[in-house]
């Protein structure tokens, strides 16, 4: 794989390309429950960053969290 231009957060990897290079990936559209779970987390973070001064949120598997504000 050519890594040139893949060092930025804005770079996206297309599903077909990931499969082509041997990655085991699932399209979230193929699993309604997975898609709902992912979108719930996404929306929670979007709301948090839009309505607070948080710039970073870290949470572990036991629910302990740390929020960094600006």
C-alpha atoms as a PDB file:
ATOM      1  CA  UNK A   1       0.000   0.000   0.000  1.00  0.00           C
ATOM      2  CA  UNK A   2       1.202   3.499  -0.810  1.00  0.00           C
ATOM      3  CA  UNK A   3       1.153   5.496   2.442  1.00  0.00           C
ATOM      4  CA  UNK A   4       1.877   8.803   0.724  1.00  0.00           C
ATOM      5  CA  UNK A   5      -0.836  11.275   1.682  1.00  0.00           C
ATOM      6  CA  UNK A   6      -2.325   9.054   4.411  1.00  0.00           C
ATOM      7  CA  UNK A   7      -0.786  10.827   7.391  1.00  0.00           C
ATOM      8  CA  UNK A   8      -3.649  13.294   7.851  1.00  0.00           C
ATOM      9  CA  UNK A   9      -6.874  12.767   9.776  1.00  0.00           C
ATOM     10  CA  UNK A  10      -8.902  13.918   6.776  1.00  0.00           C
ATOM     11  CA  UNK A  11      -7.747  11.007   4.605  1.00  0.00           C
ATOM     12  CA  UNK A  12     -10.416   8.364   4.097  1.00  0.00           C
ATOM     13  CA  UNK A  13      -9.899   4.742   3.138  1.00  0.00           C
ATOM     14  CA  UNK A  14     -12.523   3.377   0.769  1.00  0.00           C
ATOM     15  CA  UNK A  15     -14.162   0.092   1.730  1.00  0.00           C
ATOM     16  CA  UNK A  16     -13.234  -1.664  -1.518  1.00  0.00           C
ATOM     17  CA  UNK A  17      -9.591  -0.563  -1.235  1.00  0.00           C
ATOM     18  CA  UNK A  18      -9.408  -1.848   2.355  1.00  0.00           C
ATOM     19  CA  UNK A  19     -10.780  -5.217   1.282  1.00  0.00           C
ATOM     20  CA  UNK A  20      -8.429  -5.262  -1.709  1.00  0.00           C
ATOM     21  CA  UNK A  21      -5.379  -4.994   0.553  1.00  0.00           C
ATOM     22  CA  UNK A  22      -6.671  -7.766   2.813  1.00  0.00           C
ATOM     23  CA  UNK A  23      -8.336  -5.925   5.686  1.00  0.00           C
ATOM     24  CA  UNK A  24     -11.338  -7.611   7.293  1.00  0.00           C
ATOM     25  CA  UNK A  25     -13.903  -4.793   7.359  1.00  0.00           C
ATOM     26  CA  UNK A  26     -17.661  -4.558   7.781  1.00  0.00           C
ATOM     27  CA  UNK A  27     -19.766  -1.853   6.186  1.00  0.00           C
ATOM     28  CA  UNK A  28     -21.895  -0.348   8.943  1.00  0.00           C
ATOM     29  CA  UNK A  29     -24.790  -0.194   6.492  1.00  0.00           C
ATOM     30  CA  UNK A  30     -24.809  -4.003   6.436  1.00  0.00           C
ATOM     31  CA  UNK A  31     -25.486  -4.234  10.187  1.00  0.00           C
ATOM     32  CA  UNK A  32     -28.342  -2.007  11.394  1.00  0.00           C
ATOM     33  CA  UNK A  33     -27.561  -2.521  15.089  1.00  0.00           C
ATOM     34  CA  UNK A  34     -23.874  -1.682  14.586  1.00  0.00           C
ATOM     35  CA  UNK A  35     -24.794   1.399  12.561  1.00  0.00           C
ATOM     36  CA  UNK A  36     -27.165   2.664  15.277  1.00  0.00           C
ATOM     37  CA  UNK A  37     -24.530   2.115  17.984  1.00  0.00           C
ATOM     38  CA  UNK A  38     -21.817   3.928  16.021  1.00  0.00           C
ATOM     39  CA  UNK A  39     -24.101   6.839  15.163  1.00  0.00           C
ATOM     40  CA  UNK A  40     -25.208   7.144  18.811  1.00  0.00           C
ATOM     41  CA  UNK A  41     -21.593   7.524  19.917  1.00  0.00           C
ATOM     42  CA  UNK A  42     -20.885   9.947  17.061  1.00  0.00           C
ATOM     43  CA  UNK A  43     -23.894  12.126  17.918  1.00  0.00           C
ATOM     44  CA  UNK A  44     -22.980  12.141  21.625  1.00  0.00           C
ATOM     45  CA  UNK A  45     -19.500  13.426  20.824  1.00  0.00           C
ATOM     46  CA  UNK A  46     -20.783  15.992  18.310  1.00  0.00           C
ATOM     47  CA  UNK A  47     -23.193  17.359  20.947  1.00  0.00           C
ATOM     48  CA  UNK A  48     -20.487  17.359  23.634  1.00  0.00           C
ATOM     49  CA  UNK A  49     -18.003  19.287  21.523  1.00  0.00           C
ATOM     50  CA  UNK A  50     -20.664  21.704  20.235  1.00  0.00           C
ATOM     51  CA  UNK A  51     -22.111  22.561  23.665  1.00  0.00           C
ATOM     52  CA  UNK A  52     -19.071  22.504  25.969  1.00  0.00           C
ATOM     53  CA  UNK A  53     -15.486  23.712  25.981  1.00  0.00           C
ATOM     54  CA  UNK A  54     -14.255  20.107  25.715  1.00  0.00           C
ATOM     55  CA  UNK A  55     -11.541  19.453  23.168  1.00  0.00           C
ATOM     56  CA  UNK A  56     -10.745  15.877  24.199  1.00  0.00           C
ATOM     57  CA  UNK A  57     -12.721  13.136  25.955  1.00  0.00           C
ATOM     58  CA  UNK A  58     -11.136   9.937  27.264  1.00  0.00           C
ATOM     59  CA  UNK A  59     -13.223   7.130  28.773  1.00  0.00           C
ATOM     60  CA  UNK A  60     -12.249   3.608  29.766  1.00  0.00           C
ATOM     61  CA  UNK A  61     -14.233   0.364  29.754  1.00  0.00           C
ATOM     62  CA  UNK A  62     -15.379   0.856  33.359  1.00  0.00           C
ATOM     63  CA  UNK A  63     -16.931   4.251  32.639  1.00  0.00           C
ATOM     64  CA  UNK A  64     -14.236   6.412  34.214  1.00  0.00           C
ATOM     65  CA  UNK A  65     -13.672   9.492  32.064  1.00  0.00           C
ATOM     66  CA  UNK A  66     -11.506  12.541  31.723  1.00  0.00           C
ATOM     67  CA  UNK A  67     -12.433  15.618  29.701  1.00  0.00           C
ATOM     68  CA  UNK A  68      -9.909  18.222  28.606  1.00  0.00           C
ATOM     69  CA  UNK A  69     -11.281  21.719  28.091  1.00  0.00           C
ATOM     70  CA  UNK A  70      -9.965  24.625  26.099  1.00  0.00           C
END
